[in-house]
Amino acid sequence: GDPAELAAQYDREGGDELVFLDIT
C-alpha cells in the first residue's frame, strides 16, 4: 500500500509509534 495512507490508518487505530524504513 501507500505509506502515507497506511500511516494515517495506524495513527487513527492507536499505534504507539510508527517506524518508516527505506529498505533499499
PDBML (XML) file of the C-alpha atoms, coordinates in Angstrom:
<?xml version="1.0" encoding="UTF-8" ?>
<PDBx:datablock datablockName="MODEL"
   xmlns:PDBx="http://pdbml.pdb.org/schema/pdbx-v50.xsd"
   xmlns:xsi="http://www.w3.org/2001/XMLSchema-instance"
   xsi:schemaLocation="http://pdbml.pdb.org/schema/pdbx-v50.xsd pdbx-v50.xsd">
   <PDBx:atom_siteCategory>
      <PDBx:atom_site id="1">
         <PDBx:B_iso_or_equiv>0.00</PDBx:B_iso_or_equiv>
         <PDBx:Cartn_x>0.000</PDBx:Cartn_x>
         <PDBx:Cartn_y>0.000</PDBx:Cartn_y>
         <PDBx:Cartn_z>0.000</PDBx:Cartn_z>
         <PDBx:auth_asym_id>A</PDBx:auth_asym_id>
         <PDBx:auth_atom_id>CA</PDBx:auth_atom_id>
         <PDBx:auth_comp_id>GLY</PDBx:auth_comp_id>
         <PDBx:auth_seq_id>1</PDBx:auth_seq_id>
         <PDBx:group_PDB>ATOM</PDBx:group_PDB>
         <PDBx:label_alt_id xsi:nil="true" />
         <PDBx:label_asym_id>A</PDBx:label_asym_id>
         <PDBx:label_atom_id>CA</PDBx:label_atom_id>
         <PDBx:label_comp_id>GLY</PDBx:label_comp_id>
         <PDBx:label_entity_id>1</PDBx:label_entity_id>
         <PDBx:label_seq_id>1</PDBx:label_seq_id>
         <PDBx:occupancy>1.00</PDBx:occupancy>
         <PDBx:pdbx_PDB_model_num>1</PDBx:pdbx_PDB_model_num>
         <PDBx:type_symbol>C</PDBx:type_symbol>
      </PDBx:atom_site>
      <PDBx:atom_site id="2">
         <PDBx:B_iso_or_equiv>0.00</PDBx:B_iso_or_equiv>
         <PDBx:Cartn_x>0.714</PDBx:Cartn_x>
         <PDBx:Cartn_y>3.729</PDBx:Cartn_y>
         <PDBx:Cartn_z>0.114</PDBx:Cartn_z>
         <PDBx:auth_asym_id>A</PDBx:auth_asym_id>
         <PDBx:auth_atom_id>CA</PDBx:auth_atom_id>
         <PDBx:auth_comp_id>ASP</PDBx:auth_comp_id>
         <PDBx:auth_seq_id>2</PDBx:auth_seq_id>
         <PDBx:group_PDB>ATOM</PDBx:group_PDB>
         <PDBx:label_alt_id xsi:nil="true" />
         <PDBx:label_asym_id>A</PDBx:label_asym_id>
         <PDBx:label_atom_id>CA</PDBx:label_atom_id>
         <PDBx:label_comp_id>ASP</PDBx:label_comp_id>
         <PDBx:label_entity_id>1</PDBx:label_entity_id>
         <PDBx:label_seq_id>2</PDBx:label_seq_id>
         <PDBx:occupancy>1.00</PDBx:occupancy>
         <PDBx:pdbx_PDB_model_num>1</PDBx:pdbx_PDB_model_num>
         <PDBx:type_symbol>C</PDBx:type_symbol>
      </PDBx:atom_site>
      <PDBx:atom_site id="3">
         <PDBx:B_iso_or_equiv>0.00</PDBx:B_iso_or_equiv>
         <PDBx:Cartn_x>2.902</PDBx:Cartn_x>
         <PDBx:Cartn_y>4.764</PDBx:Cartn_y>
         <PDBx:Cartn_z>3.067</PDBx:Cartn_z>
         <PDBx:auth_asym_id>A</PDBx:auth_asym_id>
         <PDBx:auth_atom_id>CA</PDBx:auth_atom_id>
         <PDBx:auth_comp_id>PRO</PDBx:auth_comp_id>
         <PDBx:auth_seq_id>3</PDBx:auth_seq_id>
         <PDBx:group_PDB>ATOM</PDBx:group_PDB>
         <PDBx:label_alt_id xsi:nil="true" />
         <PDBx:label_asym_id>A</PDBx:label_asym_id>
         <PDBx:label_atom_id>CA</PDBx:label_atom_id>
         <PDBx:label_comp_id>PRO</PDBx:label_comp_id>
         <PDBx:label_entity_id>1</PDBx:label_entity_id>
         <PDBx:label_seq_id>3</PDBx:label_seq_id>
         <PDBx:occupancy>1.00</PDBx:occupancy>
         <PDBx:pdbx_PDB_model_num>1</PDBx:pdbx_PDB_model_num>
         <PDBx:type_symbol>C</PDBx:type_symbol>
      </PDBx:atom_site>
      <PDBx:atom_site id="4">
         <PDBx:B_iso_or_equiv>0.00</PDBx:B_iso_or_equiv>
         <PDBx:Cartn_x>1.021</PDBx:Cartn_x>
         <PDBx:Cartn_y>7.974</PDBx:Cartn_y>
         <PDBx:Cartn_z>3.890</PDBx:Cartn_z>
         <PDBx:auth_asym_id>A</PDBx:auth_asym_id>
         <PDBx:auth_atom_id>CA</PDBx:auth_atom_id>
         <PDBx:auth_comp_id>ALA</PDBx:auth_comp_id>
         <PDBx:auth_seq_id>4</PDBx:auth_seq_id>
         <PDBx:group_PDB>ATOM</PDBx:group_PDB>
         <PDBx:label_alt_id xsi:nil="true" />
         <PDBx:label_asym_id>A</PDBx:label_asym_id>
         <PDBx:label_atom_id>CA</PDBx:label_atom_id>
         <PDBx:label_comp_id>ALA</PDBx:label_comp_id>
         <PDBx:label_entity_id>1</PDBx:label_entity_id>
         <PDBx:label_seq_id>4</PDBx:label_seq_id>
         <PDBx:occupancy>1.00</PDBx:occupancy>
         <PDBx:pdbx_PDB_model_num>1</PDBx:pdbx_PDB_model_num>
         <PDBx:type_symbol>C</PDBx:type_symbol>
      </PDBx:atom_site>
      <PDBx:atom_site id="5">
         <PDBx:B_iso_or_equiv>0.00</PDBx:B_iso_or_equiv>
         <PDBx:Cartn_x>-2.364</PDBx:Cartn_x>
         <PDBx:Cartn_y>6.226</PDBx:Cartn_y>
         <PDBx:Cartn_z>3.784</PDBx:Cartn_z>
         <PDBx:auth_asym_id>A</PDBx:auth_asym_id>
         <PDBx:auth_atom_id>CA</PDBx:auth_atom_id>
         <PDBx:auth_comp_id>GLU</PDBx:auth_comp_id>
         <PDBx:auth_seq_id>5</PDBx:auth_seq_id>
         <PDBx:group_PDB>ATOM</PDBx:group_PDB>
         <PDBx:label_alt_id xsi:nil="true" />
         <PDBx:label_asym_id>A</PDBx:label_asym_id>
         <PDBx:label_atom_id>CA</PDBx:label_atom_id>
         <PDBx:label_comp_id>GLU</PDBx:label_comp_id>
         <PDBx:label_entity_id>1</PDBx:label_entity_id>
         <PDBx:label_seq_id>5</PDBx:label_seq_id>
         <PDBx:occupancy>1.00</PDBx:occupancy>
         <PDBx:pdbx_PDB_model_num>1</PDBx:pdbx_PDB_model_num>
         <PDBx:type_symbol>C</PDBx:type_symbol>
      </PDBx:atom_site>
      <PDBx:atom_site id="6">
         <PDBx:B_iso_or_equiv>0.00</PDBx:B_iso_or_equiv>
         <PDBx:Cartn_x>-1.164</PDBx:Cartn_x>
         <PDBx:Cartn_y>3.383</PDBx:Cartn_y>
         <PDBx:Cartn_z>5.999</PDBx:Cartn_z>
         <PDBx:auth_asym_id>A</PDBx:auth_asym_id>
         <PDBx:auth_atom_id>CA</PDBx:auth_atom_id>
         <PDBx:auth_comp_id>LEU</PDBx:auth_comp_id>
         <PDBx:auth_seq_id>6</PDBx:auth_seq_id>
         <PDBx:group_PDB>ATOM</PDBx:group_PDB>
         <PDBx:label_alt_id xsi:nil="true" />
         <PDBx:label_asym_id>A</PDBx:label_asym_id>
         <PDBx:label_atom_id>CA</PDBx:label_atom_id>
         <PDBx:label_comp_id>LEU</PDBx:label_comp_id>
         <PDBx:label_entity_id>1</PDBx:label_entity_id>
         <PDBx:label_seq_id>6</PDBx:label_seq_id>
         <PDBx:occupancy>1.00</PDBx:occupancy>
         <PDBx:pdbx_PDB_model_num>1</PDBx:pdbx_PDB_model_num>
         <PDBx:type_symbol>C</PDBx:type_symbol>
      </PDBx:atom_site>
      <PDBx:atom_site id="7">
         <PDBx:B_iso_or_equiv>0.00</PDBx:B_iso_or_equiv>
         <PDBx:Cartn_x>0.492</PDBx:Cartn_x>
         <PDBx:Cartn_y>5.827</PDBx:Cartn_y>
         <PDBx:Cartn_z>8.398</PDBx:Cartn_z>
         <PDBx:auth_asym_id>A</PDBx:auth_asym_id>
         <PDBx:auth_atom_id>CA</PDBx:auth_atom_id>
         <PDBx:auth_comp_id>ALA</PDBx:auth_comp_id>
         <PDBx:auth_seq_id>7</PDBx:auth_seq_id>
         <PDBx:group_PDB>ATOM</PDBx:group_PDB>
         <PDBx:label_alt_id xsi:nil="true" />
         <PDBx:label_asym_id>A</PDBx:label_asym_id>
         <PDBx:label_atom_id>CA</PDBx:label_atom_id>
         <PDBx:label_comp_id>ALA</PDBx:label_comp_id>
         <PDBx:label_entity_id>1</PDBx:label_entity_id>
         <PDBx:label_seq_id>7</PDBx:label_seq_id>
         <PDBx:occupancy>1.00</PDBx:occupancy>
         <PDBx:pdbx_PDB_model_num>1</PDBx:pdbx_PDB_model_num>
         <PDBx:type_symbol>C</PDBx:type_symbol>
      </PDBx:atom_site>
      <PDBx:atom_site id="8">
         <PDBx:B_iso_or_equiv>0.00</PDBx:B_iso_or_equiv>
         <PDBx:Cartn_x>-2.769</PDBx:Cartn_x>
         <PDBx:Cartn_y>7.744</PDBx:Cartn_y>
         <PDBx:Cartn_z>8.803</PDBx:Cartn_z>
         <PDBx:auth_asym_id>A</PDBx:auth_asym_id>
         <PDBx:auth_atom_id>CA</PDBx:auth_atom_id>
         <PDBx:auth_comp_id>ALA</PDBx:auth_comp_id>
         <PDBx:auth_seq_id>8</PDBx:auth_seq_id>
         <PDBx:group_PDB>ATOM</PDBx:group_PDB>
         <PDBx:label_alt_id xsi:nil="true" />
         <PDBx:label_asym_id>A</PDBx:label_asym_id>
         <PDBx:label_atom_id>CA</PDBx:label_atom_id>
         <PDBx:label_comp_id>ALA</PDBx:label_comp_id>
         <PDBx:label_entity_id>1</PDBx:label_entity_id>
         <PDBx:label_seq_id>8</PDBx:label_seq_id>
         <PDBx:occupancy>1.00</PDBx:occupancy>
         <PDBx:pdbx_PDB_model_num>1</PDBx:pdbx_PDB_model_num>
         <PDBx:type_symbol>C</PDBx:type_symbol>
      </PDBx:atom_site>
      <PDBx:atom_site id="9">
         <PDBx:B_iso_or_equiv>0.00</PDBx:B_iso_or_equiv>
         <PDBx:Cartn_x>-4.648</PDBx:Cartn_x>
         <PDBx:Cartn_y>4.482</PDBx:Cartn_y>
         <PDBx:Cartn_z>9.385</PDBx:Cartn_z>
         <PDBx:auth_asym_id>A</PDBx:auth_asym_id>
         <PDBx:auth_atom_id>CA</PDBx:auth_atom_id>
         <PDBx:auth_comp_id>GLN</PDBx:auth_comp_id>
         <PDBx:auth_seq_id>9</PDBx:auth_seq_id>
         <PDBx:group_PDB>ATOM</PDBx:group_PDB>
         <PDBx:label_alt_id xsi:nil="true" />
         <PDBx:label_asym_id>A</PDBx:label_asym_id>
         <PDBx:label_atom_id>CA</PDBx:label_atom_id>
         <PDBx:label_comp_id>GLN</PDBx:label_comp_id>
         <PDBx:label_entity_id>1</PDBx:label_entity_id>
         <PDBx:label_seq_id>9</PDBx:label_seq_id>
         <PDBx:occupancy>1.00</PDBx:occupancy>
         <PDBx:pdbx_PDB_model_num>1</PDBx:pdbx_PDB_model_num>
         <PDBx:type_symbol>C</PDBx:type_symbol>
      </PDBx:atom_site>
      <PDBx:atom_site id="10">
         <PDBx:B_iso_or_equiv>0.00</PDBx:B_iso_or_equiv>
         <PDBx:Cartn_x>-2.246</PDBx:Cartn_x>
         <PDBx:Cartn_y>3.316</PDBx:Cartn_y>
         <PDBx:Cartn_z>12.084</PDBx:Cartn_z>
         <PDBx:auth_asym_id>A</PDBx:auth_asym_id>
         <PDBx:auth_atom_id>CA</PDBx:auth_atom_id>
         <PDBx:auth_comp_id>TYR</PDBx:auth_comp_id>
         <PDBx:auth_seq_id>10</PDBx:auth_seq_id>
         <PDBx:group_PDB>ATOM</PDBx:group_PDB>
         <PDBx:label_alt_id xsi:nil="true" />
         <PDBx:label_asym_id>A</PDBx:label_asym_id>
         <PDBx:label_atom_id>CA</PDBx:label_atom_id>
         <PDBx:label_comp_id>TYR</PDBx:label_comp_id>
         <PDBx:label_entity_id>1</PDBx:label_entity_id>
         <PDBx:label_seq_id>10</PDBx:label_seq_id>
         <PDBx:occupancy>1.00</PDBx:occupancy>
         <PDBx:pdbx_PDB_model_num>1</PDBx:pdbx_PDB_model_num>
         <PDBx:type_symbol>C</PDBx:type_symbol>
      </PDBx:atom_site>
      <PDBx:atom_site id="11">
         <PDBx:B_iso_or_equiv>0.00</PDBx:B_iso_or_equiv>
         <PDBx:Cartn_x>-2.342</PDBx:Cartn_x>
         <PDBx:Cartn_y>6.695</PDBx:Cartn_y>
         <PDBx:Cartn_z>13.777</PDBx:Cartn_z>
         <PDBx:auth_asym_id>A</PDBx:auth_asym_id>
         <PDBx:auth_atom_id>CA</PDBx:auth_atom_id>
         <PDBx:auth_comp_id>ASP</PDBx:auth_comp_id>
         <PDBx:auth_seq_id>11</PDBx:auth_seq_id>
         <PDBx:group_PDB>ATOM</PDBx:group_PDB>
         <PDBx:label_alt_id xsi:nil="true" />
         <PDBx:label_asym_id>A</PDBx:label_asym_id>
         <PDBx:label_atom_id>CA</PDBx:label_atom_id>
         <PDBx:label_comp_id>ASP</PDBx:label_comp_id>
         <PDBx:label_entity_id>1</PDBx:label_entity_id>
         <PDBx:label_seq_id>11</PDBx:label_seq_id>
         <PDBx:occupancy>1.00</PDBx:occupancy>
         <PDBx:pdbx_PDB_model_num>1</PDBx:pdbx_PDB_model_num>
         <PDBx:type_symbol>C</PDBx:type_symbol>
      </PDBx:atom_site>
      <PDBx:atom_site id="12">
         <PDBx:B_iso_or_equiv>0.00</PDBx:B_iso_or_equiv>
         <PDBx:Cartn_x>-6.160</PDBx:Cartn_x>
         <PDBx:Cartn_y>6.512</PDBx:Cartn_y>
         <PDBx:Cartn_z>13.896</PDBx:Cartn_z>
         <PDBx:auth_asym_id>A</PDBx:auth_asym_id>
         <PDBx:auth_atom_id>CA</PDBx:auth_atom_id>
         <PDBx:auth_comp_id>ARG</PDBx:auth_comp_id>
         <PDBx:auth_seq_id>12</PDBx:auth_seq_id>
         <PDBx:group_PDB>ATOM</PDBx:group_PDB>
         <PDBx:label_alt_id xsi:nil="true" />
         <PDBx:label_asym_id>A</PDBx:label_asym_id>
         <PDBx:label_atom_id>CA</PDBx:label_atom_id>
         <PDBx:label_comp_id>ARG</PDBx:label_comp_id>
         <PDBx:label_entity_id>1</PDBx:label_entity_id>
         <PDBx:label_seq_id>12</PDBx:label_seq_id>
         <PDBx:occupancy>1.00</PDBx:occupancy>
         <PDBx:pdbx_PDB_model_num>1</PDBx:pdbx_PDB_model_num>
         <PDBx:type_symbol>C</PDBx:type_symbol>
      </PDBx:atom_site>
      <PDBx:atom_site id="13">
         <PDBx:B_iso_or_equiv>0.00</PDBx:B_iso_or_equiv>
         <PDBx:Cartn_x>-6.092</PDBx:Cartn_x>
         <PDBx:Cartn_y>2.930</PDBx:Cartn_y>
         <PDBx:Cartn_z>15.165</PDBx:Cartn_z>
         <PDBx:auth_asym_id>A</PDBx:auth_asym_id>
         <PDBx:auth_atom_id>CA</PDBx:auth_atom_id>
         <PDBx:auth_comp_id>GLU</PDBx:auth_comp_id>
         <PDBx:auth_seq_id>13</PDBx:auth_seq_id>
         <PDBx:group_PDB>ATOM</PDBx:group_PDB>
         <PDBx:label_alt_id xsi:nil="true" />
         <PDBx:label_asym_id>A</PDBx:label_asym_id>
         <PDBx:label_atom_id>CA</PDBx:label_atom_id>
         <PDBx:label_comp_id>GLU</PDBx:label_comp_id>
         <PDBx:label_entity_id>1</PDBx:label_entity_id>
         <PDBx:label_seq_id>13</PDBx:label_seq_id>
         <PDBx:occupancy>1.00</PDBx:occupancy>
         <PDBx:pdbx_PDB_model_num>1</PDBx:pdbx_PDB_model_num>
         <PDBx:type_symbol>C</PDBx:type_symbol>
      </PDBx:atom_site>
      <PDBx:atom_site id="14">
         <PDBx:B_iso_or_equiv>0.00</PDBx:B_iso_or_equiv>
         <PDBx:Cartn_x>-3.931</PDBx:Cartn_x>
         <PDBx:Cartn_y>3.822</PDBx:Cartn_y>
         <PDBx:Cartn_z>18.150</PDBx:Cartn_z>
         <PDBx:auth_asym_id>A</PDBx:auth_asym_id>
         <PDBx:auth_atom_id>CA</PDBx:auth_atom_id>
         <PDBx:auth_comp_id>GLY</PDBx:auth_comp_id>
         <PDBx:auth_seq_id>14</PDBx:auth_seq_id>
         <PDBx:group_PDB>ATOM</PDBx:group_PDB>
         <PDBx:label_alt_id xsi:nil="true" />
         <PDBx:label_asym_id>A</PDBx:label_asym_id>
         <PDBx:label_atom_id>CA</PDBx:label_atom_id>
         <PDBx:label_comp_id>GLY</PDBx:label_comp_id>
         <PDBx:label_entity_id>1</PDBx:label_entity_id>
         <PDBx:label_seq_id>14</PDBx:label_seq_id>
         <PDBx:occupancy>1.00</PDBx:occupancy>
         <PDBx:pdbx_PDB_model_num>1</PDBx:pdbx_PDB_model_num>
         <PDBx:type_symbol>C</PDBx:type_symbol>
      </PDBx:atom_site>
      <PDBx:atom_site id="15">
         <PDBx:B_iso_or_equiv>0.00</PDBx:B_iso_or_equiv>
         <PDBx:Cartn_x>-0.409</PDBx:Cartn_x>
         <PDBx:Cartn_y>2.804</PDBx:Cartn_y>
         <PDBx:Cartn_z>17.210</PDBx:Cartn_z>
         <PDBx:auth_asym_id>A</PDBx:auth_asym_id>
         <PDBx:auth_atom_id>CA</PDBx:auth_atom_id>
         <PDBx:auth_comp_id>GLY</PDBx:auth_comp_id>
         <PDBx:auth_seq_id>15</PDBx:auth_seq_id>
         <PDBx:group_PDB>ATOM</PDBx:group_PDB>
         <PDBx:label_alt_id xsi:nil="true" />
         <PDBx:label_asym_id>A</PDBx:label_asym_id>
         <PDBx:label_atom_id>CA</PDBx:label_atom_id>
         <PDBx:label_comp_id>GLY</PDBx:label_comp_id>
         <PDBx:label_entity_id>1</PDBx:label_entity_id>
         <PDBx:label_seq_id>15</PDBx:label_seq_id>
         <PDBx:occupancy>1.00</PDBx:occupancy>
         <PDBx:pdbx_PDB_model_num>1</PDBx:pdbx_PDB_model_num>
         <PDBx:type_symbol>C</PDBx:type_symbol>
      </PDBx:atom_site>
      <PDBx:atom_site id="16">
         <PDBx:B_iso_or_equiv>0.00</PDBx:B_iso_or_equiv>
         <PDBx:Cartn_x>2.018</PDBx:Cartn_x>
         <PDBx:Cartn_y>3.971</PDBx:Cartn_y>
         <PDBx:Cartn_z>19.887</PDBx:Cartn_z>
         <PDBx:auth_asym_id>A</PDBx:auth_asym_id>
         <PDBx:auth_atom_id>CA</PDBx:auth_atom_id>
         <PDBx:auth_comp_id>ASP</PDBx:auth_comp_id>
         <PDBx:auth_seq_id>16</PDBx:auth_seq_id>
         <PDBx:group_PDB>ATOM</PDBx:group_PDB>
         <PDBx:label_alt_id xsi:nil="true" />
         <PDBx:label_asym_id>A</PDBx:label_asym_id>
         <PDBx:label_atom_id>CA</PDBx:label_atom_id>
         <PDBx:label_comp_id>ASP</PDBx:label_comp_id>
         <PDBx:label_entity_id>1</PDBx:label_entity_id>
         <PDBx:label_seq_id>16</PDBx:label_seq_id>
         <PDBx:occupancy>1.00</PDBx:occupancy>
         <PDBx:pdbx_PDB_model_num>1</PDBx:pdbx_PDB_model_num>
         <PDBx:type_symbol>C</PDBx:type_symbol>
      </PDBx:atom_site>
      <PDBx:atom_site id="17">
         <PDBx:B_iso_or_equiv>0.00</PDBx:B_iso_or_equiv>
         <PDBx:Cartn_x>4.736</PDBx:Cartn_x>
         <PDBx:Cartn_y>4.817</PDBx:Cartn_y>
         <PDBx:Cartn_z>17.387</PDBx:Cartn_z>
         <PDBx:auth_asym_id>A</PDBx:auth_asym_id>
         <PDBx:auth_atom_id>CA</PDBx:auth_atom_id>
         <PDBx:auth_comp_id>GLU</PDBx:auth_comp_id>
         <PDBx:auth_seq_id>17</PDBx:auth_seq_id>
         <PDBx:group_PDB>ATOM</PDBx:group_PDB>
         <PDBx:label_alt_id xsi:nil="true" />
         <PDBx:label_asym_id>A</PDBx:label_asym_id>
         <PDBx:label_atom_id>CA</PDBx:label_atom_id>
         <PDBx:label_comp_id>GLU</PDBx:label_comp_id>
         <PDBx:label_entity_id>1</PDBx:label_entity_id>
         <PDBx:label_seq_id>17</PDBx:label_seq_id>
         <PDBx:occupancy>1.00</PDBx:occupancy>
         <PDBx:pdbx_PDB_model_num>1</PDBx:pdbx_PDB_model_num>
         <PDBx:type_symbol>C</PDBx:type_symbol>
      </PDBx:atom_site>
      <PDBx:atom_site id="18">
         <PDBx:B_iso_or_equiv>0.00</PDBx:B_iso_or_equiv>
         <PDBx:Cartn_x>5.498</PDBx:Cartn_x>
         <PDBx:Cartn_y>4.305</PDBx:Cartn_y>
         <PDBx:Cartn_z>13.708</PDBx:Cartn_z>
         <PDBx:auth_asym_id>A</PDBx:auth_asym_id>
         <PDBx:auth_atom_id>CA</PDBx:auth_atom_id>
         <PDBx:auth_comp_id>LEU</PDBx:auth_comp_id>
         <PDBx:auth_seq_id>18</PDBx:auth_seq_id>
         <PDBx:group_PDB>ATOM</PDBx:group_PDB>
         <PDBx:label_alt_id xsi:nil="true" />
         <PDBx:label_asym_id>A</PDBx:label_asym_id>
         <PDBx:label_atom_id>CA</PDBx:label_atom_id>
         <PDBx:label_comp_id>LEU</PDBx:label_comp_id>
         <PDBx:label_entity_id>1</PDBx:label_entity_id>
         <PDBx:label_seq_id>18</PDBx:label_seq_id>
         <PDBx:occupancy>1.00</PDBx:occupancy>
         <PDBx:pdbx_PDB_model_num>1</PDBx:pdbx_PDB_model_num>
         <PDBx:type_symbol>C</PDBx:type_symbol>
      </PDBx:atom_site>
      <PDBx:atom_site id="19">
         <PDBx:B_iso_or_equiv>0.00</PDBx:B_iso_or_equiv>
         <PDBx:Cartn_x>8.696</PDBx:Cartn_x>
         <PDBx:Cartn_y>3.097</PDBx:Cartn_y>
         <PDBx:Cartn_z>12.041</PDBx:Cartn_z>
         <PDBx:auth_asym_id>A</PDBx:auth_asym_id>
         <PDBx:auth_atom_id>CA</PDBx:auth_atom_id>
         <PDBx:auth_comp_id>VAL</PDBx:auth_comp_id>
         <PDBx:auth_seq_id>19</PDBx:auth_seq_id>
         <PDBx:group_PDB>ATOM</PDBx:group_PDB>
         <PDBx:label_alt_id xsi:nil="true" />
         <PDBx:label_asym_id>A</PDBx:label_asym_id>
         <PDBx:label_atom_id>CA</PDBx:label_atom_id>
         <PDBx:label_comp_id>VAL</PDBx:label_comp_id>
         <PDBx:label_entity_id>1</PDBx:label_entity_id>
         <PDBx:label_seq_id>19</PDBx:label_seq_id>
         <PDBx:occupancy>1.00</PDBx:occupancy>
         <PDBx:pdbx_PDB_model_num>1</PDBx:pdbx_PDB_model_num>
         <PDBx:type_symbol>C</PDBx:type_symbol>
      </PDBx:atom_site>
      <PDBx:atom_site id="20">
         <PDBx:B_iso_or_equiv>0.00</PDBx:B_iso_or_equiv>
         <PDBx:Cartn_x>9.454</PDBx:Cartn_x>
         <PDBx:Cartn_y>4.040</PDBx:Cartn_y>
         <PDBx:Cartn_z>8.430</PDBx:Cartn_z>
         <PDBx:auth_asym_id>A</PDBx:auth_asym_id>
         <PDBx:auth_atom_id>CA</PDBx:auth_atom_id>
         <PDBx:auth_comp_id>PHE</PDBx:auth_comp_id>
         <PDBx:auth_seq_id>20</PDBx:auth_seq_id>
         <PDBx:group_PDB>ATOM</PDBx:group_PDB>
         <PDBx:label_alt_id xsi:nil="true" />
         <PDBx:label_asym_id>A</PDBx:label_asym_id>
         <PDBx:label_atom_id>CA</PDBx:label_atom_id>
         <PDBx:label_comp_id>PHE</PDBx:label_comp_id>
         <PDBx:label_entity_id>1</PDBx:label_entity_id>
         <PDBx:label_seq_id>20</PDBx:label_seq_id>
         <PDBx:occupancy>1.00</PDBx:occupancy>
         <PDBx:pdbx_PDB_model_num>1</PDBx:pdbx_PDB_model_num>
         <PDBx:type_symbol>C</PDBx:type_symbol>
      </PDBx:atom_site>
      <PDBx:atom_site id="21">
         <PDBx:B_iso_or_equiv>0.00</PDBx:B_iso_or_equiv>
         <PDBx:Cartn_x>12.336</PDBx:Cartn_x>
         <PDBx:Cartn_y>2.112</PDBx:Cartn_y>
         <PDBx:Cartn_z>6.823</PDBx:Cartn_z>
         <PDBx:auth_asym_id>A</PDBx:auth_asym_id>
         <PDBx:auth_atom_id>CA</PDBx:auth_atom_id>
         <PDBx:auth_comp_id>LEU</PDBx:auth_comp_id>
         <PDBx:auth_seq_id>21</PDBx:auth_seq_id>
         <PDBx:group_PDB>ATOM</PDBx:group_PDB>
         <PDBx:label_alt_id xsi:nil="true" />
         <PDBx:label_asym_id>A</PDBx:label_asym_id>
         <PDBx:label_atom_id>CA</PDBx:label_atom_id>
         <PDBx:label_comp_id>LEU</PDBx:label_comp_id>
         <PDBx:label_entity_id>1</PDBx:label_entity_id>
         <PDBx:label_seq_id>21</PDBx:label_seq_id>
         <PDBx:occupancy>1.00</PDBx:occupancy>
         <PDBx:pdbx_PDB_model_num>1</PDBx:pdbx_PDB_model_num>
         <PDBx:type_symbol>C</PDBx:type_symbol>
      </PDBx:atom_site>
      <PDBx:atom_site id="22">
         <PDBx:B_iso_or_equiv>0.00</PDBx:B_iso_or_equiv>
         <PDBx:Cartn_x>13.597</PDBx:Cartn_x>
         <PDBx:Cartn_y>2.870</PDBx:Cartn_y>
         <PDBx:Cartn_z>3.317</PDBx:Cartn_z>
         <PDBx:auth_asym_id>A</PDBx:auth_asym_id>
         <PDBx:auth_atom_id>CA</PDBx:auth_atom_id>
         <PDBx:auth_comp_id>ASP</PDBx:auth_comp_id>
         <PDBx:auth_seq_id>22</PDBx:auth_seq_id>
         <PDBx:group_PDB>ATOM</PDBx:group_PDB>
         <PDBx:label_alt_id xsi:nil="true" />
         <PDBx:label_asym_id>A</PDBx:label_asym_id>
         <PDBx:label_atom_id>CA</PDBx:label_atom_id>
         <PDBx:label_comp_id>ASP</PDBx:label_comp_id>
         <PDBx:label_entity_id>1</PDBx:label_entity_id>
         <PDBx:label_seq_id>22</PDBx:label_seq_id>
         <PDBx:occupancy>1.00</PDBx:occupancy>
         <PDBx:pdbx_PDB_model_num>1</PDBx:pdbx_PDB_model_num>
         <PDBx:type_symbol>C</PDBx:type_symbol>
      </PDBx:atom_site>
      <PDBx:atom_site id="23">
         <PDBx:B_iso_or_equiv>0.00</PDBx:B_iso_or_equiv>
         <PDBx:Cartn_x>14.817</PDBx:Cartn_x>
         <PDBx:Cartn_y>-0.696</PDBx:Cartn_y>
         <PDBx:Cartn_z>2.903</PDBx:Cartn_z>
         <PDBx:auth_asym_id>A</PDBx:auth_asym_id>
         <PDBx:auth_atom_id>CA</PDBx:auth_atom_id>
         <PDBx:auth_comp_id>ILE</PDBx:auth_comp_id>
         <PDBx:auth_seq_id>23</PDBx:auth_seq_id>
         <PDBx:group_PDB>ATOM</PDBx:group_PDB>
         <PDBx:label_alt_id xsi:nil="true" />
         <PDBx:label_asym_id>A</PDBx:label_asym_id>
         <PDBx:label_atom_id>CA</PDBx:label_atom_id>
         <PDBx:label_comp_id>ILE</PDBx:label_comp_id>
         <PDBx:label_entity_id>1</PDBx:label_entity_id>
         <PDBx:label_seq_id>23</PDBx:label_seq_id>
         <PDBx:occupancy>1.00</PDBx:occupancy>
         <PDBx:pdbx_PDB_model_num>1</PDBx:pdbx_PDB_model_num>
         <PDBx:type_symbol>C</PDBx:type_symbol>
      </PDBx:atom_site>
      <PDBx:atom_site id="24">
         <PDBx:B_iso_or_equiv>0.00</PDBx:B_iso_or_equiv>
         <PDBx:Cartn_x>16.868</PDBx:Cartn_x>
         <PDBx:Cartn_y>-0.293</PDBx:Cartn_y>
         <PDBx:Cartn_z>-0.282</PDBx:Cartn_z>
         <PDBx:auth_asym_id>A</PDBx:auth_asym_id>
         <PDBx:auth_atom_id>CA</PDBx:auth_atom_id>
         <PDBx:auth_comp_id>THR</PDBx:auth_comp_id>
         <PDBx:auth_seq_id>24</PDBx:auth_seq_id>
         <PDBx:group_PDB>ATOM</PDBx:group_PDB>
         <PDBx:label_alt_id xsi:nil="true" />
         <PDBx:label_asym_id>A</PDBx:label_asym_id>
         <PDBx:label_atom_id>CA</PDBx:label_atom_id>
         <PDBx:label_comp_id>THR</PDBx:label_comp_id>
         <PDBx:label_entity_id>1</PDBx:label_entity_id>
         <PDBx:label_seq_id>24</PDBx:label_seq_id>
         <PDBx:occupancy>1.00</PDBx:occupancy>
         <PDBx:pdbx_PDB_model_num>1</PDBx:pdbx_PDB_model_num>
         <PDBx:type_symbol>C</PDBx:type_symbol>
      </PDBx:atom_site>
   </PDBx:atom_siteCategory>
</PDBx:datablock>
